[in-house]
C-alpha atoms as a PDB file:
ATOM      1  CA  UNK A   1    -110.648 117.830 -97.532  1.00  0.00           C
ATOM      2  CA  UNK A   2    -110.232 114.054 -97.580  1.00  0.00           C
ATOM      3  CA  UNK A   3    -107.009 112.536 -98.843  1.00  0.00           C
ATOM      4  CA  UNK A   4    -107.430 108.892 -99.822  1.00  0.00           C
ATOM      5  CA  UNK A   5    -104.658 106.383-100.299  1.00  0.00           C
ATOM      6  CA  UNK A   6    -106.839 103.459-101.379  1.00  0.00           C
ATOM      7  CA  UNK A   7    -105.981 100.941-104.075  1.00  0.00           C
ATOM      8  CA  UNK A   8    -108.335 100.884-107.099  1.00  0.00           C
ATOM      9  CA  UNK A   9    -111.392  98.760-106.400  1.00  0.00           C
ATOM     10  CA  UNK A  10    -110.639  98.542-102.689  1.00  0.00           C
ATOM     11  CA  UNK A  11    -113.416 100.763-101.429  1.00  0.00           C
ATOM     12  CA  UNK A  12    -116.652  98.840-101.088  1.00  0.00           C
ATOM     13  CA  UNK A  13    -118.859 101.432 -99.423  1.00  0.00           C
ATOM     14  CA  UNK A  14    -122.581 100.960 -99.703  1.00  0.00           C
ATOM     15  CA  UNK A  15    -124.569 103.618-101.498  1.00  0.00           C
ATOM     16  CA  UNK A  16    -124.583 106.882 -99.552  1.00  0.00           C
ATOM     17  CA  UNK A  17    -127.420 106.990 -97.062  1.00  0.00           C
ATOM     18  CA  UNK A  18    -128.503 103.369 -97.582  1.00  0.00           C
ATOM     19  CA  UNK A  19    -128.915 101.244 -94.429  1.00  0.00           C
ATOM     20  CA  UNK A  20    -126.361  98.563 -93.598  1.00  0.00           C
ATOM     21  CA  UNK A  21    -127.927  95.165 -94.189  1.00  0.00           C
ATOM     22  CA  UNK A  22    -126.214  91.816 -93.735  1.00  0.00           C
ATOM     23  CA  UNK A  23    -127.384  88.694 -95.562  1.00  0.00           C
ATOM     24  CA  UNK A  24    -127.210  84.956 -95.034  1.00  0.00           C
ATOM     25  CA  UNK A  25    -128.611  82.179 -97.243  1.00  0.00           C
ATOM     26  CA  UNK A  26    -129.694  79.158 -95.264  1.00  0.00           C
ATOM     27  CA  UNK A  27    -127.882  75.927 -96.091  1.00  0.00           C
ATOM     28  CA  UNK A  28    -129.105  72.337 -95.853  1.00  0.00           C
ATOM     29  CA  UNK A  29    -127.772  72.057 -92.308  1.00  0.00           C
ATOM     30  CA  UNK A  30    -129.767  75.159 -91.311  1.00  0.00           C
ATOM     31  CA  UNK A  31    -133.109  73.653 -92.322  1.00  0.00           C
ATOM     32  CA  UNK A  32    -135.362  73.238 -89.298  1.00  0.00           C
ATOM     33  CA  UNK A  33    -133.458  75.807 -87.215  1.00  0.00           C
ATOM     34  CA  UNK A  34    -134.830  79.122 -85.996  1.00  0.00           C
ATOM     35  CA  UNK A  35    -133.811  82.378 -87.675  1.00  0.00           C
ATOM     36  CA  UNK A  36    -132.171  83.499 -84.441  1.00  0.00           C
ATOM     37  CA  UNK A  37    -129.787  80.546 -84.626  1.00  0.00           C
ATOM     38  CA  UNK A  38    -128.085  81.933 -87.745  1.00  0.00           C
ATOM     39  CA  UNK A  39    -128.212  85.503 -86.441  1.00  0.00           C
ATOM     40  CA  UNK A  40    -126.429  84.521 -83.230  1.00  0.00           C
ATOM     41  CA  UNK A  41    -124.204  81.944 -84.966  1.00  0.00           C
ATOM     42  CA  UNK A  42    -122.805  82.579 -88.470  1.00  0.00           C
ATOM     43  CA  UNK A  43    -123.757  86.286 -88.470  1.00  0.00           C
ATOM     44  CA  UNK A  44    -122.244  86.796 -84.971  1.00  0.00           C
ATOM     45  CA  UNK A  45    -125.004  89.161 -83.814  1.00  0.00           C
ATOM     46  CA  UNK A  46    -125.029  89.826 -80.071  1.00  0.00           C
ATOM     47  CA  UNK A  47    -128.132  89.138 -78.004  1.00  0.00           C
ATOM     48  CA  UNK A  48    -128.434  92.851 -77.314  1.00  0.00           C
ATOM     49  CA  UNK A  49    -128.530  93.680 -81.028  1.00  0.00           C
ATOM     50  CA  UNK A  50    -130.921  90.782 -81.672  1.00  0.00           C
ATOM     51  CA  UNK A  51    -133.301  92.285 -79.128  1.00  0.00           C
ATOM     52  CA  UNK A  52    -133.150  95.647 -80.906  1.00  0.00           C
ATOM     53  CA  UNK A  53    -133.661  94.040 -84.332  1.00  0.00           C
ATOM     54  CA  UNK A  54    -136.856  92.423 -83.105  1.00  0.00           C
ATOM     55  CA  UNK A  55    -138.259  95.889 -82.375  1.00  0.00           C
ATOM     56  CA  UNK A  56    -137.202  97.516 -85.651  1.00  0.00           C
ATOM     57  CA  UNK A  57    -139.406  97.681 -88.704  1.00  0.00           C
ATOM     58  CA  UNK A  58    -137.824  95.248 -91.189  1.00  0.00           C
ATOM     59  CA  UNK A  59    -135.105  94.548 -88.634  1.00  0.00           C
ATOM     60  CA  UNK A  60    -135.268  90.827 -89.500  1.00  0.00           C
ATOM     61  CA  UNK A  61    -136.545  89.569 -92.841  1.00  0.00           C
ATOM     62  CA  UNK A  62    -136.709  86.197 -94.585  1.00  0.00           C
ATOM     63  CA  UNK A  63    -137.002  86.224 -98.364  1.00  0.00           C
ATOM     64  CA  UNK A  64    -137.800  89.946 -98.261  1.00  0.00           C
ATOM     65  CA  UNK A  65    -140.621  89.670 -95.732  1.00  0.00           C
ATOM     66  CA  UNK A  66    -140.502  90.725 -92.083  1.00  0.00           C
ATOM     67  CA  UNK A  67    -140.052  87.668 -89.899  1.00  0.00           C
ATOM     68  CA  UNK A  68    -139.945  86.637 -86.256  1.00  0.00           C
ATOM     69  CA  UNK A  69    -136.650  85.419 -84.843  1.00  0.00           C
ATOM     70  CA  UNK A  70    -138.410  82.139 -84.021  1.00  0.00           C
ATOM     71  CA  UNK A  71    -139.341  81.415 -87.642  1.00  0.00           C
ATOM     72  CA  UNK A  72    -138.180  77.995 -88.832  1.00  0.00           C
ATOM     73  CA  UNK A  73    -135.810  78.089 -91.773  1.00  0.00           C
ATOM     74  CA  UNK A  74    -135.766  76.058 -94.938  1.00  0.00           C
ATOM     75  CA  UNK A  75    -132.676  75.505 -97.089  1.00  0.00           C
ATOM     76  CA  UNK A  76    -132.265  78.402 -99.499  1.00  0.00           C
ATOM     77  CA  UNK A  77    -134.084  80.995 -97.370  1.00  0.00           C
ATOM     78  CA  UNK A  78    -132.435  84.419 -97.491  1.00  0.00           C
ATOM     79  CA  UNK A  79    -132.135  85.975 -94.042  1.00  0.00           C
ATOM     80  CA  UNK A  80    -131.429  89.709 -93.822  1.00  0.00           C
ATOM     81  CA  UNK A  81    -130.773  91.858 -90.758  1.00  0.00           C
ATOM     82  CA  UNK A  82    -130.860  95.657 -90.672  1.00  0.00           C
ATOM     83  CA  UNK A  83    -127.789  96.306 -88.505  1.00  0.00           C
ATOM     84  CA  UNK A  84    -127.242  99.979 -89.378  1.00  0.00           C
ATOM     85  CA  UNK A  85    -127.424 102.334 -86.405  1.00  0.00           C
ATOM     86  CA  UNK A  86    -130.549 104.097 -85.275  1.00  0.00           C
ATOM     87  CA  UNK A  87    -130.076 107.850 -84.804  1.00  0.00           C
ATOM     88  CA  UNK A  88    -128.361 108.598 -81.474  1.00  0.00           C
ATOM     89  CA  UNK A  89    -130.259 110.807 -78.994  1.00  0.00           C
ATOM     90  CA  UNK A  90    -127.633 113.570 -79.179  1.00  0.00           C
ATOM     91  CA  UNK A  91    -125.534 114.321 -82.220  1.00  0.00           C
ATOM     92  CA  UNK A  92    -122.460 116.519 -82.494  1.00  0.00           C
ATOM     93  CA  UNK A  93    -122.258 119.257 -85.085  1.00  0.00           C
ATOM     94  CA  UNK A  94    -120.381 117.947 -88.169  1.00  0.00           C
ATOM     95  CA  UNK A  95    -117.210 119.873 -88.981  1.00  0.00           C
ATOM     96  CA  UNK A  96    -115.405 119.673 -92.311  1.00  0.00           C
ATOM     97  CA  UNK A  97    -111.732 118.850 -91.748  1.00  0.00           C
ATOM     98  CA  UNK A  98    -108.833 117.258 -93.539  1.00  0.00           C
ATOM     99  CA  UNK A  99    -108.838 113.473 -93.167  1.00  0.00           C
ATOM    100  CA  UNK A 100    -106.443 110.863 -94.534  1.00  0.00           C
ATOM    101  CA  UNK A 101    -108.275 107.603 -95.271  1.00  0.00           C
ATOM    102  CA  UNK A 102    -106.079 104.561 -95.888  1.00  0.00           C
ATOM    103  CA  UNK A 103    -108.810 101.908 -96.120  1.00  0.00           C
ATOM    104  CA  UNK A 104    -112.598 101.934 -96.303  1.00  0.00           C
ATOM    105  CA  UNK A 105    -115.426  99.443 -96.855  1.00  0.00           C
ATOM    106  CA  UNK A 106    -119.071  99.083 -95.769  1.00  0.00           C
ATOM    107  CA  UNK A 107    -118.139  98.581 -92.127  1.00  0.00           C
ATOM    108  CA  UNK A 108    -114.700 100.050 -91.391  1.00  0.00           C
ATOM    109  CA  UNK A 109    -112.620 103.148 -91.962  1.00  0.00           C
ATOM    110  CA  UNK A 110    -108.858 103.285 -91.313  1.00  0.00           C
ATOM    111  CA  UNK A 111    -107.556 106.805 -90.693  1.00  0.00           C
ATOM    112  CA  UNK A 112    -104.116 108.363 -90.371  1.00  0.00           C
ATOM    113  CA  UNK A 113    -104.726 110.709 -87.436  1.00  0.00           C
ATOM    114  CA  UNK A 114    -102.906 114.054 -87.271  1.00  0.00           C
ATOM    115  CA  UNK A 115    -101.336 115.410 -84.090  1.00  0.00           C
ATOM    116  CA  UNK A 116    -103.107 117.453 -81.431  1.00  0.00           C
ATOM    117  CA  UNK A 117    -106.685 116.713 -82.322  1.00  0.00           C
ATOM    118  CA  UNK A 118    -108.841 114.841 -79.792  1.00  0.00           C
ATOM    119  CA  UNK A 119    -110.933 111.881 -80.845  1.00  0.00           C
ATOM    120  CA  UNK A 120    -113.960 112.905 -78.759  1.00  0.00           C
ATOM    121  CA  UNK A 121    -115.299 116.248 -77.473  1.00  0.00           C
ATOM    122  CA  UNK A 122    -113.309 117.872 -74.674  1.00  0.00           C
ATOM    123  CA  UNK A 123    -114.244 120.402 -72.021  1.00  0.00           C
ATOM    124  CA  UNK A 124    -113.448 123.142 -74.514  1.00  0.00           C
ATOM    125  CA  UNK A 125    -116.607 123.554 -76.651  1.00  0.00           C
ATOM    126  CA  UNK A 126    -114.592 125.409 -79.303  1.00  0.00           C
ATOM    127  CA  UNK A 127    -112.084 122.602 -79.824  1.00  0.00           C
ATOM    128  CA  UNK A 128    -112.903 120.513 -82.876  1.00  0.00           C
ATOM    129  CA  UNK A 129    -112.598 116.737 -82.628  1.00  0.00           C
ATOM    130  CA  UNK A 130    -112.220 113.782 -84.965  1.00  0.00           C
ATOM    131  CA  UNK A 131    -115.736 112.549 -84.295  1.00  0.00           C
ATOM    132  CA  UNK A 132    -117.097 115.774 -85.775  1.00  0.00           C
ATOM    133  CA  UNK A 133    -114.874 115.395 -88.824  1.00  0.00           C
ATOM    134  CA  UNK A 134    -116.135 111.880 -89.456  1.00  0.00           C
ATOM    135  CA  UNK A 135    -119.761 112.963 -89.067  1.00  0.00           C
ATOM    136  CA  UNK A 136    -119.133 115.452 -91.873  1.00  0.00           C
ATOM    137  CA  UNK A 137    -117.461 112.778 -94.034  1.00  0.00           C
ATOM    138  CA  UNK A 138    -119.804 109.819 -93.517  1.00  0.00           C
ATOM    139  CA  UNK A 139    -123.208 109.562 -95.235  1.00  0.00           C
ATOM    140  CA  UNK A 140    -126.299 110.692 -93.349  1.00  0.00           C
ATOM    141  CA  UNK A 141    -127.372 108.004 -90.899  1.00  0.00           C
ATOM    142  CA  UNK A 142    -123.872 106.508 -90.497  1.00  0.00           C
ATOM    143  CA  UNK A 143    -122.078 107.188 -87.216  1.00  0.00           C
ATOM    144  CA  UNK A 144    -118.456 106.526 -86.195  1.00  0.00           C
ATOM    145  CA  UNK A 145    -117.604 103.924 -83.547  1.00  0.00           C
ATOM    146  CA  UNK A 146    -113.905 104.064 -82.643  1.00  0.00           C
ATOM    147  CA  UNK A 147    -112.318 100.618 -82.367  1.00  0.00           C
ATOM    148  CA  UNK A 148    -108.887 101.931 -81.395  1.00  0.00           C
ATOM    149  CA  UNK A 149    -108.508 105.331 -79.754  1.00  0.00           C
ATOM    150  CA  UNK A 150    -105.435 107.526 -79.708  1.00  0.00           C
ATOM    151  CA  UNK A 151    -104.544 110.270 -77.257  1.00  0.00           C
ATOM    152  CA  UNK A 152    -104.913 113.843 -78.494  1.00  0.00           C
ATOM    153  CA  UNK A 153    -101.186 114.180 -79.197  1.00  0.00           C
ATOM    154  CA  UNK A 154    -100.646 110.721 -80.679  1.00  0.00           C
ATOM    155  CA  UNK A 155    -100.516 110.415 -84.467  1.00  0.00           C
ATOM    156  CA  UNK A 156    -101.065 107.572 -86.892  1.00  0.00           C
ATOM    157  CA  UNK A 157    -103.358 104.693 -87.703  1.00  0.00           C
ATOM    158  CA  UNK A 158    -106.733 104.392 -86.036  1.00  0.00           C
ATOM    159  CA  UNK A 159    -109.590 102.028 -86.929  1.00  0.00           C
ATOM    160  CA  UNK A 160    -113.217 103.151 -86.849  1.00  0.00           C
ATOM    161  CA  UNK A 161    -116.354 101.067 -87.359  1.00  0.00           C
ATOM    162  CA  UNK A 162    -119.288 102.523 -89.266  1.00  0.00           C
ATOM    163  CA  UNK A 163    -121.957 100.781 -87.203  1.00  0.00           C
ATOM    164  CA  UNK A 164    -122.377  99.234 -83.785  1.00  0.00           C
ATOM    165  CA  UNK A 165    -122.531  95.724 -85.226  1.00  0.00           C
ATOM    166  CA  UNK A 166    -119.082  95.955 -86.842  1.00  0.00           C
ATOM    167  CA  UNK A 167    -117.740  97.676 -83.727  1.00  0.00           C
ATOM    168  CA  UNK A 168    -118.865  94.808 -81.512  1.00  0.00           C
ATOM    169  CA  UNK A 169    -117.335  92.208 -83.853  1.00  0.00           C
ATOM    170  CA  UNK A 170    -113.960  93.956 -83.789  1.00  0.00           C
ATOM    171  CA  UNK A 171    -114.032  94.595 -80.033  1.00  0.00           C
ATOM    172  CA  UNK A 172    -114.167  90.820 -79.529  1.00  0.00           C
ATOM    173  CA  UNK A 173    -110.926  90.559 -81.516  1.00  0.00           C
ATOM    174  CA  UNK A 174    -108.899  93.207 -79.688  1.00  0.00           C
ATOM    175  CA  UNK A 175    -105.595  91.938 -78.256  1.00  0.00           C
ATOM    176  CA  UNK A 176    -105.781  88.773 -80.322  1.00  0.00           C
ATOM    177  CA  UNK A 177    -103.974  87.726 -83.502  1.00  0.00           C
ATOM    178  CA  UNK A 178    -106.905  89.223 -85.427  1.00  0.00           C
ATOM    179  CA  UNK A 179    -105.977  92.784 -84.373  1.00  0.00           C
ATOM    180  CA  UNK A 180    -102.347  93.892 -84.074  1.00  0.00           C
ATOM    181  CA  UNK A 181    -100.929  97.373 -83.482  1.00  0.00           C
ATOM    182  CA  UNK A 182     -97.361  98.568 -83.557  1.00  0.00           C
ATOM    183  CA  UNK A 183     -96.133 102.003 -82.528  1.00  0.00           C
ATOM    184  CA  UNK A 184     -93.006 104.072 -83.043  1.00  0.00           C
ATOM    185  CA  UNK A 185     -91.834 106.255 -80.160  1.00  0.00           C
ATOM    186  CA  UNK A 186     -88.902 108.453 -79.244  1.00  0.00           C
ATOM    187  CA  UNK A 187     -87.752 108.143 -75.631  1.00  0.00           C
ATOM    188  CA  UNK A 188     -85.415 110.305 -73.618  1.00  0.00           C
ATOM    189  CA  UNK A 189     -82.025 108.654 -73.038  1.00  0.00           C
ATOM    190  CA  UNK A 190     -80.440 105.533 -74.494  1.00  0.00           C
ATOM    191  CA  UNK A 191     -82.803 102.738 -73.542  1.00  0.00           C
ATOM    192  CA  UNK A 192     -81.157  99.803 -71.783  1.00  0.00           C
ATOM    193  CA  UNK A 193     -81.542  96.964 -72.250  1.00  0.00           C
ATOM    194  CA  UNK A 194     -82.217  97.773 -75.923  1.00  0.00           C
ATOM    195  CA  UNK A 195     -85.126  95.325 -76.142  1.00  0.00           C
ATOM    196  CA  UNK A 196     -87.413  93.612 -73.707  1.00  0.00           C
ATOM    197  CA  UNK A 197     -90.882  93.131 -72.268  1.00  0.00           C
ATOM    198  CA  UNK A 198     -92.571  95.288 -69.655  1.00  0.00           C
ATOM    199  CA  UNK A 199     -95.022  93.240 -67.622  1.00  0.00           C
ATOM    200  CA  UNK A 200     -96.276  95.733 -65.046  1.00  0.00           C
ATOM    201  CA  UNK A 201     -99.885  96.367 -63.926  1.00  0.00           C
ATOM    202  CA  UNK A 202    -101.353  99.837 -64.478  1.00  0.00           C
ATOM    203  CA  UNK A 203    -103.985 101.767 -62.570  1.00  0.00           C
ATOM    204  CA  UNK A 204    -104.998 105.318 -61.742  1.00  0.00           C
ATOM    205  CA  UNK A 205    -102.567 107.235 -59.588  1.00  0.00           C
ATOM    206  CA  UNK A 206    -103.987 108.044 -56.149  1.00  0.00           C
ATOM    207  CA  UNK A 207    -105.593 111.470 -56.104  1.00  0.00           C
ATOM    208  CA  UNK A 208    -105.658 111.849 -59.902  1.00  0.00           C
ATOM    209  CA  UNK A 209    -108.547 111.543 -62.333  1.00  0.00           C
ATOM    210  CA  UNK A 210    -106.355 110.986 -65.411  1.00  0.00           C
ATOM    211  CA  UNK A 211    -102.718 110.237 -64.528  1.00  0.00           C
ATOM    212  CA  UNK A 212    -101.897 106.514 -64.448  1.00  0.00           C
ATOM    213  CA  UNK A 213     -99.019 104.608 -62.926  1.00  0.00           C
ATOM    214  CA  UNK A 214     -97.622 101.141 -62.348  1.00  0.00           C
ATOM    215  CA  UNK A 215     -99.140  99.715 -59.168  1.00  0.00           C
ATOM    216  CA  UNK A 216     -99.479  96.225 -57.753  1.00  0.00           C
ATOM    217  CA  UNK A 217    -103.285  96.373 -57.670  1.00  0.00           C
ATOM    218  CA  UNK A 218    -103.546  97.655 -61.242  1.00  0.00           C
ATOM    219  CA  UNK A 219    -104.798  95.869 -64.351  1.00  0.00           C
ATOM    220  CA  UNK A 220    -102.437  93.428 -66.065  1.00  0.00           C
ATOM    221  CA  UNK A 221    -100.440  95.288 -68.736  1.00  0.00           C
ATOM    222  CA  UNK A 222     -97.853  93.978 -71.200  1.00  0.00           C
ATOM    223  CA  UNK A 223     -95.668  95.895 -73.666  1.00  0.00           C
ATOM    224  CA  UNK A 224     -92.893  94.569 -75.926  1.00  0.00           C
ATOM    225  CA  UNK A 225     -90.242  97.089 -76.992  1.00  0.00           C
ATOM    226  CA  UNK A 226     -87.262  97.109 -79.349  1.00  0.00           C
ATOM    227  CA  UNK A 227     -84.629  99.757 -80.104  1.00  0.00           C
ATOM    228  CA  UNK A 228     -84.501 100.773 -83.775  1.00  0.00           C
ATOM    229  CA  UNK A 229     -82.011 103.659 -83.636  1.00  0.00           C
ATOM    230  CA  UNK A 230     -80.390 106.173 -81.306  1.00  0.00           C
ATOM    231  CA  UNK A 231     -79.379 109.794 -81.808  1.00  0.00           C
ATOM    232  CA  UNK A 232     -79.143 113.114 -80.018  1.00  0.00           C
ATOM    233  CA  UNK A 233     -79.312 111.342 -76.657  1.00  0.00           C
ATOM    234  CA  UNK A 234     -82.632 109.711 -77.526  1.00  0.00           C
ATOM    235  CA  UNK A 235     -83.912 106.291 -78.633  1.00  0.00           C
ATOM    236  CA  UNK A 236     -86.293 105.413 -81.447  1.00  0.00           C
ATOM    237  CA  UNK A 237     -88.368 102.438 -80.327  1.00  0.00           C
ATOM    238  CA  UNK A 238     -90.819  99.968 -81.768  1.00  0.00           C
ATOM    239  CA  UNK A 239     -93.570  99.336 -79.200  1.00  0.00           C
ATOM    240  CA  UNK A 240     -96.188  96.588 -79.344  1.00  0.00           C
ATOM    241  CA  UNK A 241     -98.929  96.680 -76.691  1.00  0.00           C
ATOM    242  CA  UNK A 242    -100.438  93.303 -75.857  1.00  0.00           C
ATOM    243  CA  UNK A 243    -103.058  94.902 -73.617  1.00  0.00           C
ATOM    244  CA  UNK A 244    -104.960  98.148 -74.005  1.00  0.00           C
ATOM    245  CA  UNK A 245    -104.629 100.167 -70.806  1.00  0.00           C
ATOM    246  CA  UNK A 246    -105.005 103.939 -70.754  1.00  0.00           C
ATOM    247  CA  UNK A 247    -101.627 105.615 -71.487  1.00  0.00           C
ATOM    248  CA  UNK A 248    -100.017 102.157 -71.370  1.00  0.00           C
ATOM    249  CA  UNK A 249     -97.006 102.854 -73.590  1.00  0.00           C
ATOM    250  CA  UNK A 250     -96.313 106.212 -71.984  1.00  0.00           C
ATOM    251  CA  UNK A 251     -96.602 104.792 -68.467  1.00  0.00           C
ATOM    252  CA  UNK A 252     -94.431 101.744 -69.181  1.00  0.00           C
ATOM    253  CA  UNK A 253     -91.600 103.741 -70.737  1.00  0.00           C
ATOM    254  CA  UNK A 254     -91.638 106.221 -67.841  1.00  0.00           C
ATOM    255  CA  UNK A 255     -91.596 103.249 -65.453  1.00  0.00           C
ATOM    256  CA  UNK A 256     -88.401 102.003 -67.121  1.00  0.00           C
ATOM    257  CA  UNK A 257     -86.859 105.441 -66.621  1.00  0.00           C
ATOM    258  CA  UNK A 258     -87.079 106.509 -70.277  1.00  0.00           C
ATOM    259  CA  UNK A 259     -90.186 108.697 -70.677  1.00  0.00           C
ATOM    260  CA  UNK A 260     -91.276 109.650 -74.152  1.00  0.00           C
ATOM    261  CA  UNK A 261     -89.869 112.918 -75.441  1.00  0.00           C
ATOM    262  CA  UNK A 262     -92.380 115.732 -74.998  1.00  0.00           C
ATOM    263  CA  UNK A 263     -94.563 113.758 -72.585  1.00  0.00           C
ATOM    264  CA  UNK A 264     -95.425 116.470 -70.082  1.00  0.00           C
ATOM    265  CA  UNK A 265     -97.620 114.103 -68.038  1.00  0.00           C
ATOM    266  CA  UNK A 266     -95.108 111.309 -67.423  1.00  0.00           C
ATOM    267  CA  UNK A 267     -91.827 113.067 -68.186  1.00  0.00           C
ATOM    268  CA  UNK A 268     -91.227 116.698 -69.013  1.00  0.00           C
ATOM    269  CA  UNK A 269     -92.044 119.205 -71.714  1.00  0.00           C
ATOM    270  CA  UNK A 270     -89.732 119.578 -74.697  1.00  0.00           C
ATOM    271  CA  UNK A 271     -89.124 122.779 -76.633  1.00  0.00           C
ATOM    272  CA  UNK A 272     -88.890 121.016 -80.013  1.00  0.00           C
ATOM    273  CA  UNK A 273     -92.078 118.922 -79.918  1.00  0.00           C
ATOM    274  CA  UNK A 274     -95.394 119.909 -78.363  1.00  0.00           C
ATOM    275  CA  UNK A 275     -96.741 116.401 -77.762  1.00  0.00           C
ATOM    276  CA  UNK A 276     -95.625 112.960 -76.563  1.00  0.00           C
ATOM    277  CA  UNK A 277     -93.447 111.452 -79.319  1.00  0.00           C
ATOM    278  CA  UNK A 278     -95.743 108.507 -80.070  1.00  0.00           C
ATOM    279  CA  UNK A 279     -96.995 107.335 -83.471  1.00  0.00           C
ATOM    280  CA  UNK A 280     -99.332 104.479 -84.405  1.00  0.00           C
ATOM    281  CA  UNK A 281     -97.174 103.080 -87.198  1.00  0.00           C
ATOM    282  CA  UNK A 282     -98.607  99.724 -88.254  1.00  0.00           C
ATOM    283  CA  UNK A 283    -102.042  98.147 -87.959  1.00  0.00           C
ATOM    284  CA  UNK A 284    -103.161  94.697 -89.076  1.00  0.00           C
ATOM    285  CA  UNK A 285    -106.657  93.294 -88.693  1.00  0.00           C
ATOM    286  CA  UNK A 286    -108.624  90.354 -89.984  1.00  0.00           C
ATOM    287  CA  UNK A 287    -111.952  91.570 -91.339  1.00  0.00           C
ATOM    288  CA  UNK A 288    -114.577  89.840 -89.160  1.00  0.00           C
ATOM    289  CA  UNK A 289    -117.028  89.395 -92.063  1.00  0.00           C
ATOM    290  CA  UNK A 290    -114.866  88.758 -95.125  1.00  0.00           C
ATOM    291  CA  UNK A 291    -111.863  87.163 -93.409  1.00  0.00           C
ATOM    292  CA  UNK A 292    -109.575  89.446 -95.431  1.00  0.00           C
ATOM    293  CA  UNK A 293    -106.247  90.463 -93.865  1.00  0.00           C
ATOM    294  CA  UNK A 294    -105.886  94.250 -93.933  1.00  0.00           C
ATOM    295  CA  UNK A 295    -102.453  95.774 -93.248  1.00  0.00           C
ATOM    296  CA  UNK A 296    -101.393  99.421 -93.426  1.00  0.00           C
ATOM    297  CA  UNK A 297     -98.405 101.483 -92.296  1.00  0.00           C
ATOM    298  CA  UNK A 298     -97.929 105.181 -91.604  1.00  0.00           C
ATOM    299  CA  UNK A 299     -94.421 106.688 -91.777  1.00  0.00           C
ATOM    300  CA  UNK A 300     -92.737 108.419 -88.843  1.00  0.00           C
ATOM    301  CA  UNK A 301     -93.896 112.062 -88.843  1.00  0.00           C
ATOM    302  CA  UNK A 302     -91.340 114.854 -89.355  1.00  0.00           C
ATOM    303  CA  UNK A 303     -91.576 116.255 -85.820  1.00  0.00           C
ATOM    304  CA  UNK A 304     -90.477 112.876 -84.423  1.00  0.00           C
ATOM    305  CA  UNK A 305     -87.733 112.319 -87.003  1.00  0.00           C
ATOM    306  CA  UNK A 306     -86.177 115.630 -86.049  1.00  0.00           C
ATOM    307  CA  UNK A 307     -85.745 114.558 -82.425  1.00  0.00           C
ATOM    308  CA  UNK A 308     -82.948 112.116 -83.310  1.00  0.00           C
ATOM    309  CA  UNK A 309     -80.811 114.555 -85.290  1.00  0.00           C
END
């Protein structure tokens, strides 16, 4: 089942199963330039994708006819590029599952992720994952590319691209003003000081393949935090990551001495919540093709609200 919370007229999905094509009409200042100049410039296509388009049937067309990237443009020429994905060599089995879609267009899908479901396949072949759910939801020939990933236990907003082209455009905008994420978290103890910035590098812990820690030779990591409320010996926080390190928010709060409630990896297990108390609450992004500002929020889930009472 898919639950949509989309304003009327907001969804702009292309016809099911149709390939994703982007278009550009050459202007006066484009006359005399090669086709590849507008593909690499205004259309923001990477050189890797350009190389693949050259090999695809109808990958690059001018005025409806297949064209070389070196073709010289005239004002008014219509350039099209077939940027939809080619079939991947190995495909997961689609699995019908409940999804909450908060925004969707030809290139992006904004989901409200539930707790305790992994984004990608795990070592357990029986465990369903979000990628399988999206394969069942998306039209044939459209494959999910996750722009922002959440840990298995983390809930809330997560952006997915519907093709590699859109994914690459958004990746270039991560950790800039064009892509902003804000989380809500419940930490053990009364956080002091109540607001601040954690500027502490993060890397893998020695001897571990998945546990991270603050270490001097780690990657630069920056988190801004603010106390919103306290209760039951815990603190509700607003967290804004300015970098995207693995487990960054969990590691930084544990480093301050206030691990997230239920975080068995960086704190301790909790009998009233079976996951780290972390929720992707607010996401804002500037659409790389339309320039539209998209903003959505997801409320604090009940299992986290109950921790403060």
